[in-house]
Each structure stands twice: as C-alpha cells, then as structure tokens.
Amino acid sequence: MTAETFRAIIVALASFWTFILILLLVMMFILYRRMSAMRATIEKAVAETKEAAKPIMQIAAIIDVVKSGIDLVGRISNVRKGGE
C-alpha cells in the first residue's frame, strides 16, 4: 500500500464520517423541533384538563366533607347510645 492510497483512504473515511455526523445533527435538529411542537401541544392539553377537572374536584371535596359529617354524626349517636 502506497502513501497516496493510504491518504486517499483516510480522506474518503473522513469525508464519509463528516457526512454521517452532519446528517445525524440535521436529523436531531428536525426531531427536536417536532418534539418541541408536541411538548407545547401536550402542555396545552394538560392545562385545559386541569381547568376542566377543577369543578369535578370541588364536587368530590364537597361529597367527602358530607360523608365525613355523616360518619361523625353516626359516631356521636353510637357514643350517646352507650356504644364505643
């Protein structure tokens, strides 16, 4: 193998790997832009879901308070009857 052949192989491999690296960087940039758009859409959907869930959570809290009140009244009536 002569020096010229060796240099040609080195130049060819360096060109090939440079092309692969540039291609990889371009693909990563395109993927990053798509993921950013999807992330923005997901954040918007989550914010809308939180707004929609607020009234449901308030209703659930009211039901929980009423249930606790009923349990408390039941325990008080058991104590008055001579139970626990």
Protein backbone atom coordinates (compact mmCIF):
# COMPACT_ATOMS: atom_id res chain seq x y z
CA MET A 1 0.00 0.00 0.00
CA THR A 2 1.48 3.29 -1.04
CA ALA A 3 1.30 6.55 0.83
CA GLU A 4 -1.04 8.02 -1.78
CA THR A 5 -3.50 5.14 -1.42
CA PHE A 6 -3.36 5.44 2.36
CA ARG A 7 -4.05 9.19 2.17
CA ALA A 8 -6.94 8.59 -0.23
CA ILE A 9 -8.48 6.07 2.16
CA ILE A 10 -8.10 8.45 5.11
CA VAL A 11 -9.68 11.32 3.14
CA ALA A 12 -12.54 9.08 1.97
CA LEU A 13 -13.25 7.84 5.50
CA ALA A 14 -13.04 11.34 6.97
CA SER A 15 -15.46 12.62 4.31
CA PHE A 16 -17.84 9.74 4.95
CA TRP A 17 -17.86 10.23 8.74
CA THR A 18 -18.22 14.00 8.35
CA PHE A 19 -21.24 13.43 6.11
CA ILE A 20 -22.73 10.97 8.63
CA LEU A 21 -22.16 13.42 11.50
CA ILE A 22 -23.80 16.29 9.61
CA LEU A 23 -26.72 14.04 8.67
CA LEU A 24 -27.12 12.96 12.29
CA LEU A 25 -27.08 16.56 13.52
CA VAL A 26 -29.71 17.59 10.96
CA MET A 27 -31.93 14.66 11.95
CA MET A 28 -31.55 15.54 15.64
CA PHE A 29 -32.50 19.15 14.93
CA ILE A 30 -35.60 18.09 12.99
CA LEU A 31 -36.57 15.71 15.79
CA TYR A 32 -36.02 18.46 18.38
CA ARG A 33 -38.34 20.83 16.51
CA ARG A 34 -41.06 18.18 16.23
CA MET A 35 -40.72 17.27 19.90
CA SER A 36 -40.95 20.94 20.87
CA ALA A 37 -44.20 21.27 18.95
CA MET A 38 -45.57 18.10 20.55
CA ARG A 39 -44.47 19.26 24.01
CA ALA A 40 -46.30 22.56 23.54
CA THR A 41 -49.44 20.71 22.46
CA ILE A 42 -49.23 18.35 25.44
CA GLU A 43 -48.73 21.25 27.87
CA LYS A 44 -51.78 22.99 26.41
CA ALA A 45 -53.87 19.82 26.74
CA VAL A 46 -52.75 19.32 30.35
CA ALA A 47 -53.63 22.92 31.22
CA GLU A 48 -57.08 22.51 29.68
CA THR A 49 -57.58 19.23 31.54
CA LYS A 50 -56.67 20.87 34.84
CA GLU A 51 -59.19 23.62 34.19
CA ALA A 52 -61.86 21.05 33.34
CA ALA A 53 -61.08 18.97 36.44
CA LYS A 54 -61.41 21.85 38.93
CA PRO A 55 -65.24 21.71 39.20
CA ILE A 56 -65.13 17.91 39.46
CA MET A 57 -62.57 18.12 42.26
CA GLN A 58 -64.72 20.68 44.08
CA ILE A 59 -67.74 18.39 43.86
CA ALA A 60 -65.64 15.46 45.11
CA ALA A 61 -64.42 17.57 48.04
CA ILE A 62 -67.98 18.53 48.97
CA ILE A 63 -69.08 14.88 48.83
CA ASP A 64 -66.11 13.90 51.03
CA VAL A 65 -67.00 16.57 53.60
CA VAL A 66 -70.63 15.45 53.67
CA LYS A 67 -69.53 11.82 54.10
CA SER A 68 -67.22 12.79 56.96
CA GLY A 69 -70.04 14.73 58.59
CA ILE A 70 -72.39 11.78 58.33
CA ASP A 71 -69.73 9.48 59.82
CA LEU A 72 -69.19 11.94 62.68
CA VAL A 73 -72.92 12.10 63.43
CA GLY A 74 -73.04 8.30 63.39
CA ARG A 75 -70.14 8.05 65.85
CA ILE A 76 -71.71 10.64 68.15
CA SER A 77 -75.01 8.76 68.15
CA ASN A 78 -73.19 5.48 68.95
CA VAL A 79 -71.45 7.13 71.91
CA ARG A 80 -74.76 8.51 73.22
CA LYS A 81 -76.36 5.08 72.92
CA GLY A 82 -73.61 3.64 75.08
CA GLY A 83 -71.61 2.08 72.30
CA GLU A 84 -67.95 2.64 71.67
